[in-house]
Protein backbone atom coordinates (compact mmCIF):
# COMPACT_ATOMS: atom_id res chain seq x y z
CA MET A 1 12.10 13.85 38.79
CA ILE A 2 11.19 17.11 36.92
CA ARG A 3 8.18 16.48 34.66
CA PRO A 4 7.87 18.71 31.68
CA GLN A 5 5.59 21.38 31.74
CA LEU A 6 3.43 21.79 28.48
CA PRO A 7 2.91 25.67 27.27
CA SER A 8 -0.31 27.43 28.60
CA MET A 9 -2.85 27.41 25.83
CA PRO A 10 -4.26 30.44 24.54
CA ALA A 11 -8.44 30.92 25.58
CA ILE A 12 -10.54 30.13 22.70
CA HIS A 13 -12.68 32.91 22.18
CA VAL A 14 -16.18 32.12 20.46
CA ILE A 15 -16.78 34.15 17.38
CA LYS A 16 -20.23 35.44 17.19
CA LEU A 17 -21.64 34.90 13.61
CA PRO A 18 -24.23 37.60 12.59
CA THR A 19 -28.00 36.42 12.65
CA ALA A 20 -30.56 36.19 9.71
CA GLU A 21 -32.01 39.73 10.68
CA GLN A 22 -28.81 41.20 10.52
CA LEU A 23 -28.10 39.96 7.09
CA THR A 24 -31.15 41.19 6.06
CA GLU A 25 -30.80 44.70 6.95
CA LEU A 26 -27.20 44.75 5.47
CA ARG A 27 -28.41 43.88 2.10
CA ASP A 28 -31.22 46.44 2.15
CA LYS A 29 -28.67 48.75 3.17
CA GLN A 30 -26.17 48.06 0.49
CA LEU A 31 -28.93 47.87 -2.42
CA SER A 32 -30.57 50.89 -1.18
CA GLN A 33 -26.63 52.37 -1.89
CA LEU A 34 -26.50 51.06 -5.21
CA ARG A 35 -29.98 52.51 -6.29
CA GLU A 36 -28.66 55.94 -5.09
CA ARG A 37 -25.39 55.46 -7.28
CA ALA A 38 -27.12 53.79 -9.96
CA PRO A 39 -28.12 57.37 -12.09
CA GLY A 40 -24.42 58.46 -11.88
CA LEU A 41 -22.97 55.37 -13.03
CA ILE A 42 -25.49 55.12 -15.80
CA ALA A 43 -24.64 58.87 -16.92
CA LYS A 44 -21.06 57.86 -17.30
CA LEU A 45 -21.53 55.19 -19.85
CA PRO A 46 -21.25 56.03 -23.34
CA ASN A 47 -24.46 56.10 -25.66
CA ALA A 48 -24.96 54.74 -29.14
CA GLU A 49 -23.56 58.34 -30.67
CA GLN A 50 -20.36 58.07 -28.97
CA LEU A 51 -20.04 54.50 -29.49
CA THR A 52 -20.53 55.53 -33.21
CA GLN A 53 -18.19 58.01 -33.31
CA LEU A 54 -15.35 55.73 -31.59
CA ARG A 55 -15.81 53.17 -34.36
CA ASP A 56 -15.45 55.90 -37.23
CA LYS A 57 -12.61 56.94 -35.40
CA GLN A 58 -10.54 53.70 -35.20
CA LEU A 59 -11.33 52.78 -39.03
CA SER A 60 -9.92 56.28 -40.05
CA GLN A 61 -6.71 55.15 -38.13
CA LEU A 62 -6.94 51.76 -39.05
CA ARG A 63 -6.90 53.11 -42.94
CA GLU A 64 -4.14 55.63 -42.40
CA LYS A 65 -2.02 52.82 -41.00
CA ALA A 66 -3.02 50.21 -43.75
CA PRO A 67 -0.51 50.86 -46.43
CA GLY A 68 2.12 50.84 -43.81
CA LEU A 69 0.83 47.26 -43.04
CA ILE A 70 0.48 45.99 -46.32
CA GLY A 71 3.72 47.45 -46.97
CA LYS A 72 5.25 45.22 -44.11
CA LEU A 73 3.48 42.21 -45.54
CA PRO A 74 5.94 39.93 -47.90
CA SER A 75 5.46 39.95 -51.42
CA ALA A 76 4.59 36.81 -53.91
CA ASP A 77 7.97 36.77 -55.11
CA ASN A 78 9.46 36.93 -51.44
CA VAL A 79 6.70 34.13 -50.73
CA LYS A 80 7.75 32.07 -53.59
CA THR A 81 11.55 32.76 -52.77
CA GLY A 82 10.82 31.50 -49.00
CA ALA A 83 8.62 28.63 -50.11
CA GLN A 84 11.70 27.59 -52.48
CA GLU A 85 13.93 27.81 -49.54
CA PHE A 86 11.77 25.66 -47.25
CA ALA A 87 11.56 22.91 -49.76
CA GLY A 88 15.28 22.93 -49.77
CA GLN A 89 15.93 22.93 -46.12
CA ILE A 90 13.22 19.88 -46.20
CA ARG A 91 15.03 17.95 -49.26
CA SER A 92 18.25 18.53 -47.34
CA ALA A 93 16.85 16.88 -44.04
CA GLN A 94 15.45 14.11 -46.14
CA ARG A 95 18.63 13.32 -47.62
CA GLN A 96 20.31 13.73 -44.33
CA VAL A 97 17.94 11.30 -42.83
CA ALA A 98 18.31 9.10 -45.78
CA GLY A 99 22.44 9.20 -45.33
CA ALA A 100 21.67 8.19 -41.81
CA ARG A 101 19.73 5.06 -42.74
CA ARG A 102 21.99 4.23 -45.46
CA GLN A 103 24.89 4.42 -42.76
CA PHE A 104 23.13 2.53 -40.09
CA ALA A 105 22.03 -0.16 -42.72
CA GLY A 106 26.01 -0.49 -43.44
CA GLN A 107 26.60 -1.01 -39.97
CA VAL A 108 24.07 -3.55 -39.28
CA ALA A 109 25.21 -5.35 -42.44
CA GLY A 110 28.99 -5.20 -41.32
CA ALA A 111 28.37 -6.50 -37.85
CA GLN A 112 26.02 -9.18 -39.81
CA ARG A 113 28.74 -10.32 -41.99
CA GLN A 114 31.41 -9.90 -38.89
CA PHE A 115 29.52 -12.26 -36.92
CA ALA A 116 28.79 -14.67 -39.67
CA GLY A 117 32.55 -14.88 -40.33
CA GLN A 118 32.96 -15.59 -36.52
CA VAL A 119 30.56 -18.20 -36.45
CA ALA A 120 31.79 -20.01 -39.46
CA GLY A 121 35.69 -19.90 -38.30
CA ALA A 122 34.20 -21.31 -35.00
CA GLN A 123 32.39 -24.08 -36.92
CA ARG A 124 35.55 -24.68 -38.66
CA GLN A 125 37.62 -24.73 -35.68
CA PHE A 126 35.37 -27.16 -33.92
CA ALA A 127 35.06 -29.37 -37.22
CA GLY A 128 38.62 -29.45 -37.52
CA GLN A 129 39.23 -30.44 -33.70
CA VAL A 130 36.54 -33.50 -34.30
CA ALA A 131 38.58 -34.53 -37.22
CA GLY A 132 41.67 -34.38 -35.23
CA ALA A 133 40.16 -36.34 -32.51
CA GLN A 134 38.73 -38.66 -34.94
CA ARG A 135 41.87 -39.31 -36.22
CA GLN A 136 43.86 -39.87 -32.97
CA PHE A 137 41.19 -42.43 -31.75
CA VAL A 138 41.56 -44.23 -35.00
CA GLY A 139 45.19 -44.20 -34.61
CA GLN A 140 44.88 -45.47 -30.83
CA VAL A 141 42.76 -48.29 -31.96
CA ARG A 142 45.07 -49.19 -35.20
CA THR A 143 48.14 -49.31 -32.46
CA ALA A 144 45.90 -51.41 -29.96
CA ALA A 145 44.69 -53.81 -32.63
CA THR A 146 47.83 -54.55 -34.20
CA PRO A 147 49.42 -56.71 -31.75
CA LEU A 148 45.91 -58.62 -31.29
CA ALA A 149 45.99 -59.19 -34.82
CA GLN A 150 49.91 -60.44 -35.29
CA GLN A 151 49.03 -62.72 -32.46
CA ALA A 152 45.49 -64.47 -33.98
CA GLY A 153 47.59 -64.72 -37.26
CA ALA A 154 50.33 -66.51 -34.98
CA ALA A 155 47.93 -68.62 -33.22
CA PHE A 156 46.32 -69.54 -36.56
CA ALA A 157 49.46 -70.82 -38.13
CA GLN A 158 50.35 -72.84 -34.95
CA ALA A 159 46.68 -74.23 -35.41
CA THR A 160 47.21 -74.78 -39.13
CA ALA A 161 50.59 -76.71 -38.65
CA ALA A 162 49.43 -78.95 -36.19
CA THR A 163 46.00 -80.09 -38.34
CA GLN A 164 48.42 -80.86 -41.32
CA LYS A 165 50.77 -82.95 -38.80
CA ALA A 166 48.16 -84.84 -37.69
CA VAL A 167 46.58 -85.29 -40.88
CA ARG A 168 50.13 -86.86 -42.25
CA GLY A 169 50.34 -89.20 -39.28
CA ALA A 170 46.67 -90.66 -39.97
CA ALA A 171 47.46 -91.21 -43.51
CA ALA A 172 51.16 -93.05 -42.70
CA VAL A 173 49.30 -95.43 -40.40
CA THR A 174 46.63 -96.30 -43.05
CA GLN A 175 49.08 -96.92 -45.66
CA ASN A 176 51.19 -99.66 -43.11
CA GLY A 177 47.66 -101.37 -42.14
CA THR A 178 47.20 -102.02 -45.73
CA ALA A 179 50.75 -103.37 -46.47
CA ALA A 180 50.60 -105.81 -43.36
CA GLY A 181 47.25 -107.28 -44.63
CA ALA A 182 48.61 -108.02 -48.00
CA GLU A 183 51.35 -109.88 -46.72
CA ALA A 184 49.32 -112.04 -44.34
CA LYS A 185 47.12 -113.09 -47.05
CA THR A 186 50.12 -113.63 -49.48
CA SER A 187 51.63 -116.12 -46.70
CA ALA A 188 48.66 -118.19 -46.55
CA ALA A 189 48.27 -118.55 -49.57
CA ALA A 190 51.65 -120.22 -49.65
CA ALA A 191 51.27 -122.69 -47.16
CA ALA A 192 48.09 -123.71 -48.31
CA LYS A 193 50.01 -124.92 -51.87
CA ALA A 194 52.96 -126.49 -49.72
CA GLY A 195 50.62 -128.21 -47.43
CA ALA A 196 52.17 -126.45 -44.29
CA PRO A 197 50.67 -124.69 -41.49
CA ALA A 198 50.92 -121.21 -42.18
CA LYS A 199 52.67 -118.81 -39.82
CA PRO A 200 50.22 -116.05 -38.84
CA ALA A 201 51.77 -113.14 -39.68
CA THR A 202 52.95 -110.55 -37.18
CA THR A 203 51.14 -107.59 -38.02
CA HIS A 204 52.20 -104.02 -36.36
CA ALA A 205 49.50 -102.47 -34.32
CA ALA A 206 48.39 -99.46 -35.53
CA GLU A 207 49.45 -96.69 -33.56
CA PRO A 208 46.25 -94.77 -32.48
CA THR A 209 46.10 -91.36 -34.16
CA HIS A 210 45.97 -88.36 -32.61
CA LYS A 211 43.37 -85.96 -33.81
CA ALA A 212 44.45 -82.51 -33.63
CA HIS A 213 42.59 -80.42 -31.58
CA PRO A 214 42.27 -76.87 -33.36
CA ALA A 215 43.50 -74.02 -30.73
CA GLY A 216 40.66 -72.31 -29.84
CA PRO A 217 40.63 -68.57 -28.76
CA GLN A 218 42.64 -69.22 -25.18
CA GLY A 219 45.22 -71.04 -26.91
CA ARG A 220 45.91 -68.58 -29.95
CA PHE A 221 46.43 -65.85 -27.24
CA ARG A 222 48.68 -67.65 -24.86
């Protein structure tokens, strides 16, 4: 196997820093050079008279240029005109902002009205569907209840007829029993008068009365 070889590192050289004595000597040397050059540098600086002359010269130049500079300044009329133009621009911007606000408010109101109309239409449609479903349910209930009502009416009529028939039969039996008793009493009285033994009157046995049982719920819907 071939191992990769790292590049050779350069040799590190130790930097020698100056000592405190060397720094002190360097500082003293620079100060001595500055002291030697100081008189010449001070001589090059302007004195008070030179500064006064320079100031007077600059003021005179400014006085000469002042009329031209003042002429470049806008007059009062120009300032008023500019102010009026600026105020007009502000009013125009305000009108634009107010128009944009009114347009936005109109759009919002239109969207609200459209949404309210959609909601109302959906409510009406839902109410119509509910009413239709209710009518359909009522119709189905009526359709289912009609045969039951007819059957109940027929069963009630049958029960009424059977009750009336039973009542008439009971009344007839009662009348037959009363007539037989009266005939037997008459025969006994006649025999007593004639002195002959009275024959017992034959009476018809009363037929038992059958009470009509009213048809119950089961009999009605058979």
